[in-house]
Amino acid sequence: MDDDDELAYRPLDDLVDRSEPAVADGDSAPPPWWRRPPRASRIVAGVVAVLALYYVVSLVQVVQAGRSQFDEPVDAIVVLGAAQYDGRPSPQLEARLDHALALYDGGVASFVMVTGGKLPDDRFTEAEASRRYLADRGVPESAILMEDAGTTTYESLESASVVLLGEGLDDVVLVSDPFHLKRSDLIADGLGLDARTSATPTSVVTGWTSVRRHLEEAAGVALGRLVGFDRLSDLVG
């Protein structure tokens, strides 16, 4: 019998390649190495997923804060500033002031703190325009406190907190547009105030503009918690 005949008649078991272990029935073999995702890619995907979830949680918190209508007694009402036109509140600021006035008339607090500085070419600060608006509607001058130097939310609340805490008025309710309240609340709490929030129900920021502002504020809240709201204020103004 020649070599070819010997190979043809060798037992089947002798022809089986035993270099790899047999896979048991019901088990699946691991994919070849070239089909497995690199470890670095899995890490990056995990980080992206965590950051996306963190942003979504921040967005939910921004939306929830914007629905707050706190109206229990506190020491002071704090109105976050917005644009003014030569001493006249813009529609956005007017809506905030009208809500603060309703809270004041409802006995929520004995003091109203108005905030906001001015642009270089302005004659009046946002706080001055707000003070005049409230005084014209019956709020006594003695009940209106002012912070008129801040040009950002953080700067305004930082200056306002010094005045409020100096007067022993640490329990406050913040009044602003719905999208603006979560970040303002976190800043105020970090500055030593015991802050609640009450969103103006007549905000002029509506539709897609409101959606965009909520998305932007969620990013600000998420980033501010990581780097600090004071540093965020320095970075973005």
Protein backbone atom coordinates (compact mmCIF):
# COMPACT_ATOMS: atom_id res chain seq x y z
CA MET A 1 0.00 0.00 0.00
CA ASP A 2 1.47 3.37 -1.00
CA ASP A 3 1.37 6.58 1.06
CA ASP A 4 -1.86 7.82 -0.52
CA ASP A 5 -3.62 4.58 0.32
CA GLU A 6 -2.41 4.77 3.90
CA LEU A 7 -3.84 8.32 4.27
CA ALA A 8 -7.13 7.25 2.79
CA TYR A 9 -7.52 4.45 5.31
CA ARG A 10 -6.37 6.34 8.44
CA PRO A 11 -9.02 6.45 11.17
CA LEU A 12 -11.14 9.65 11.20
CA ASP A 13 -10.02 10.54 14.75
CA ASP A 14 -6.46 10.71 13.52
CA LEU A 15 -7.43 13.37 10.97
CA VAL A 16 -9.08 15.75 13.47
CA ASP A 17 -7.06 18.86 14.33
CA ARG A 18 -6.79 18.85 18.12
CA SER A 19 -4.90 22.15 18.43
CA GLU A 20 -8.17 24.02 19.46
CA PRO A 21 -10.54 22.66 22.10
CA ALA A 22 -13.90 21.53 20.84
CA VAL A 23 -16.87 23.83 21.54
CA ALA A 24 -19.57 22.20 23.59
CA ASP A 25 -23.11 22.12 22.24
CA GLY A 26 -25.03 25.30 23.15
CA ASP A 27 -21.86 27.38 23.65
CA SER A 28 -20.80 30.08 21.23
CA ALA A 29 -17.20 30.62 20.32
CA PRO A 30 -15.72 34.05 21.11
CA PRO A 31 -15.49 36.34 18.09
CA PRO A 32 -12.12 36.56 16.41
CA TRP A 33 -9.87 39.34 17.67
CA TRP A 34 -10.38 41.53 14.60
CA ARG A 35 -14.13 41.72 15.37
CA ARG A 36 -13.76 42.68 19.01
CA PRO A 37 -14.01 46.46 19.75
CA PRO A 38 -10.75 47.92 21.06
CA ARG A 39 -10.64 48.51 24.80
CA ALA A 40 -10.06 52.25 24.30
CA SER A 41 -13.21 52.50 22.17
CA ARG A 42 -15.27 50.84 24.89
CA ILE A 43 -13.92 53.29 27.48
CA VAL A 44 -14.71 56.29 25.28
CA ALA A 45 -18.21 54.97 24.59
CA GLY A 46 -18.77 54.53 28.33
CA VAL A 47 -17.60 58.06 29.13
CA VAL A 48 -19.83 59.53 26.41
CA ALA A 49 -22.82 57.60 27.76
CA VAL A 50 -22.20 58.85 31.32
CA LEU A 51 -21.85 62.47 30.16
CA ALA A 52 -25.01 62.22 28.07
CA LEU A 53 -26.93 60.89 31.06
CA TYR A 54 -25.50 63.64 33.26
CA TYR A 55 -26.67 66.28 30.78
CA VAL A 56 -30.16 64.75 30.54
CA VAL A 57 -30.48 64.77 34.35
CA SER A 58 -29.43 68.44 34.40
CA LEU A 59 -32.00 69.26 31.71
CA VAL A 60 -34.76 67.56 33.70
CA GLN A 61 -33.78 69.59 36.76
CA VAL A 62 -33.86 72.84 34.75
CA VAL A 63 -37.35 72.02 33.51
CA GLN A 64 -38.57 71.08 36.99
CA ALA A 65 -37.19 74.28 38.54
CA GLY A 66 -38.96 76.28 35.85
CA ARG A 67 -42.29 74.89 37.01
CA SER A 68 -41.79 75.96 40.62
CA GLN A 69 -44.30 78.43 42.02
CA PHE A 70 -43.11 78.77 45.63
CA ASP A 71 -45.27 81.27 47.53
CA GLU A 72 -44.63 80.55 51.21
CA PRO A 73 -43.34 83.30 53.56
CA VAL A 74 -39.63 84.12 53.25
CA ASP A 75 -37.36 87.00 54.24
CA ALA A 76 -36.99 88.55 50.79
CA ILE A 77 -37.92 88.25 47.14
CA VAL A 78 -34.93 88.45 44.77
CA VAL A 79 -35.65 89.53 41.19
CA LEU A 80 -32.96 88.56 38.69
CA GLY A 81 -32.21 91.41 36.29
CA ALA A 82 -32.82 91.61 32.54
CA ALA A 83 -32.55 94.30 29.92
CA GLN A 84 -33.87 97.82 30.46
CA TYR A 85 -34.37 100.61 27.95
CA ASP A 86 -33.34 104.02 29.29
CA GLY A 87 -34.91 103.38 32.67
CA ARG A 88 -37.88 101.37 31.40
CA PRO A 89 -37.90 97.59 32.03
CA SER A 90 -37.87 95.40 28.95
CA PRO A 91 -40.91 93.10 28.53
CA GLN A 92 -38.81 90.26 29.95
CA LEU A 93 -37.83 92.22 33.05
CA GLU A 94 -41.34 93.60 33.42
CA ALA A 95 -42.76 90.07 33.53
CA ARG A 96 -40.33 89.20 36.33
CA LEU A 97 -41.21 92.36 38.25
CA ASP A 98 -44.95 91.78 37.89
CA HIS A 99 -44.54 88.32 39.39
CA ALA A 100 -42.40 89.67 42.23
CA LEU A 101 -45.04 92.36 42.85
CA ALA A 102 -47.77 89.71 43.06
CA LEU A 103 -45.69 87.77 45.62
CA TYR A 104 -45.03 90.94 47.62
CA ASP A 105 -48.71 91.94 47.61
CA GLY A 106 -49.55 88.40 48.67
CA GLY A 107 -47.45 88.78 51.81
CA VAL A 108 -44.67 86.39 50.80
CA ALA A 109 -41.94 88.79 51.99
CA SER A 110 -41.44 92.26 53.41
CA PHE A 111 -38.48 93.07 51.16
CA VAL A 112 -37.78 92.91 47.44
CA MET A 113 -34.19 92.79 46.21
CA VAL A 114 -33.73 94.05 42.63
CA THR A 115 -30.51 93.23 40.79
CA GLY A 116 -28.52 94.04 37.68
CA GLY A 117 -25.97 96.56 36.48
CA LYS A 118 -25.80 98.33 33.12
CA LEU A 119 -24.05 98.28 29.78
CA PRO A 120 -21.29 100.88 29.17
CA ASP A 121 -23.54 103.32 27.26
CA ASP A 122 -26.65 102.94 29.47
CA ARG A 123 -27.83 105.76 31.72
CA PHE A 124 -29.67 103.47 34.13
CA THR A 125 -28.95 100.11 35.69
CA GLU A 126 -31.39 97.22 35.54
CA ALA A 127 -31.80 97.54 39.32
CA GLU A 128 -32.69 101.22 39.05
CA ALA A 129 -35.30 100.56 36.40
CA SER A 130 -36.72 97.76 38.54
CA ARG A 131 -36.79 99.87 41.69
CA ARG A 132 -38.66 102.67 39.92
CA TYR A 133 -41.15 100.20 38.42
CA LEU A 134 -41.97 98.66 41.80
CA ALA A 135 -42.12 102.01 43.59
CA ASP A 136 -44.57 103.33 41.00
CA ARG A 137 -46.81 100.38 41.83
CA GLY A 138 -46.93 100.88 45.54
CA VAL A 139 -43.90 99.13 46.99
CA PRO A 140 -42.34 101.43 49.65
CA GLU A 141 -38.81 102.59 48.93
CA SER A 142 -37.80 101.23 52.34
CA ALA A 143 -38.86 97.74 51.24
CA ILE A 144 -36.71 97.74 48.08
CA LEU A 145 -33.09 96.61 48.30
CA MET A 146 -30.72 97.08 45.35
CA GLU A 147 -27.73 95.37 43.81
CA ASP A 148 -26.72 97.45 40.79
CA ALA A 149 -23.20 96.35 39.88
CA GLY A 150 -23.47 92.78 38.61
CA THR A 151 -23.28 92.05 34.90
CA THR A 152 -23.82 88.28 35.18
CA THR A 153 -26.14 86.13 37.23
CA TYR A 154 -23.27 85.05 39.46
CA GLU A 155 -22.01 88.61 40.03
CA SER A 156 -25.50 89.89 40.82
CA LEU A 157 -26.28 87.11 43.28
CA GLU A 158 -22.84 87.39 44.88
CA SER A 159 -23.36 91.11 45.56
CA ALA A 160 -26.98 90.60 46.56
CA SER A 161 -26.04 87.87 49.04
CA VAL A 162 -23.65 90.25 50.83
CA VAL A 163 -26.47 92.77 51.34
CA LEU A 164 -29.07 90.17 52.26
CA LEU A 165 -26.91 88.25 54.70
CA GLY A 166 -25.75 91.53 56.23
CA GLU A 167 -29.41 92.32 56.97
CA GLY A 168 -30.08 88.83 58.29
CA LEU A 169 -32.25 87.99 55.28
CA ASP A 170 -31.01 84.57 54.23
CA ASP A 171 -34.34 82.90 53.41
CA VAL A 172 -35.25 84.07 49.90
CA VAL A 173 -37.32 83.24 46.85
CA LEU A 174 -35.76 83.85 43.43
CA VAL A 175 -37.91 85.23 40.62
CA SER A 176 -36.91 84.86 36.98
CA ASP A 177 -37.85 83.17 33.72
CA PRO A 178 -38.40 79.40 33.98
CA PHE A 179 -35.21 78.41 32.12
CA HIS A 180 -33.06 80.61 34.39
CA LEU A 181 -34.04 79.37 37.83
CA LYS A 182 -32.10 76.14 38.37
CA ARG A 183 -28.71 77.75 37.78
CA SER A 184 -29.71 80.77 39.87
CA ASP A 185 -30.85 78.50 42.69
CA LEU A 186 -27.58 76.56 42.73
CA ILE A 187 -25.55 79.80 42.72
CA ALA A 188 -27.59 81.32 45.55
CA ASP A 189 -27.30 78.19 47.68
CA GLY A 190 -23.55 78.16 47.13
CA LEU A 191 -23.35 81.77 48.35
CA GLY A 192 -25.01 80.98 51.66
CA LEU A 193 -28.63 81.82 50.87
CA ASP A 194 -31.49 79.44 51.57
CA ALA A 195 -33.12 79.86 48.18
CA ARG A 196 -36.41 78.75 46.67
CA THR A 197 -37.65 79.55 43.18
CA SER A 198 -40.80 80.99 41.64
CA ALA A 199 -40.98 81.25 37.85
CA THR A 200 -42.81 84.12 36.23
CA PRO A 201 -45.93 82.72 34.57
CA THR A 202 -45.94 85.45 31.91
CA SER A 203 -42.44 85.00 30.51
CA VAL A 204 -42.02 86.46 27.04
CA VAL A 205 -39.43 83.77 26.23
CA THR A 206 -41.56 81.11 24.55
CA GLY A 207 -41.55 78.58 21.71
CA TRP A 208 -38.26 77.42 20.23
CA THR A 209 -36.41 80.25 21.96
CA SER A 210 -37.50 78.81 25.30
CA VAL A 211 -36.44 75.32 24.22
CA ARG A 212 -33.02 76.62 23.18
CA ARG A 213 -32.56 78.51 26.43
CA HIS A 214 -33.49 75.41 28.47
CA LEU A 215 -30.91 73.37 26.55
CA GLU A 216 -28.25 76.05 27.08
CA GLU A 217 -29.04 76.35 30.77
CA ALA A 218 -28.80 72.58 31.19
CA ALA A 219 -25.27 72.74 29.78
CA GLY A 220 -24.47 75.64 32.13
CA VAL A 221 -25.82 73.75 35.14
CA ALA A 222 -23.90 70.60 34.22
CA LEU A 223 -20.63 72.45 33.61
CA GLY A 224 -21.03 74.78 36.59
CA ARG A 225 -21.31 71.85 38.96
CA LEU A 226 -18.03 70.50 37.65
CA VAL A 227 -15.89 73.65 37.45
CA GLY A 228 -17.75 75.98 39.83
CA PHE A 229 -20.27 78.65 38.90
CA ASP A 230 -17.84 81.46 39.70
CA ARG A 231 -15.33 80.07 37.21
CA LEU A 232 -18.08 79.42 34.67
CA SER A 233 -19.12 83.07 34.99
CA ASP A 234 -15.56 84.14 34.24
CA LEU A 235 -15.40 81.84 31.22
CA VAL A 236 -18.69 82.66 29.52
CA GLY A 237 -19.63 86.02 31.04
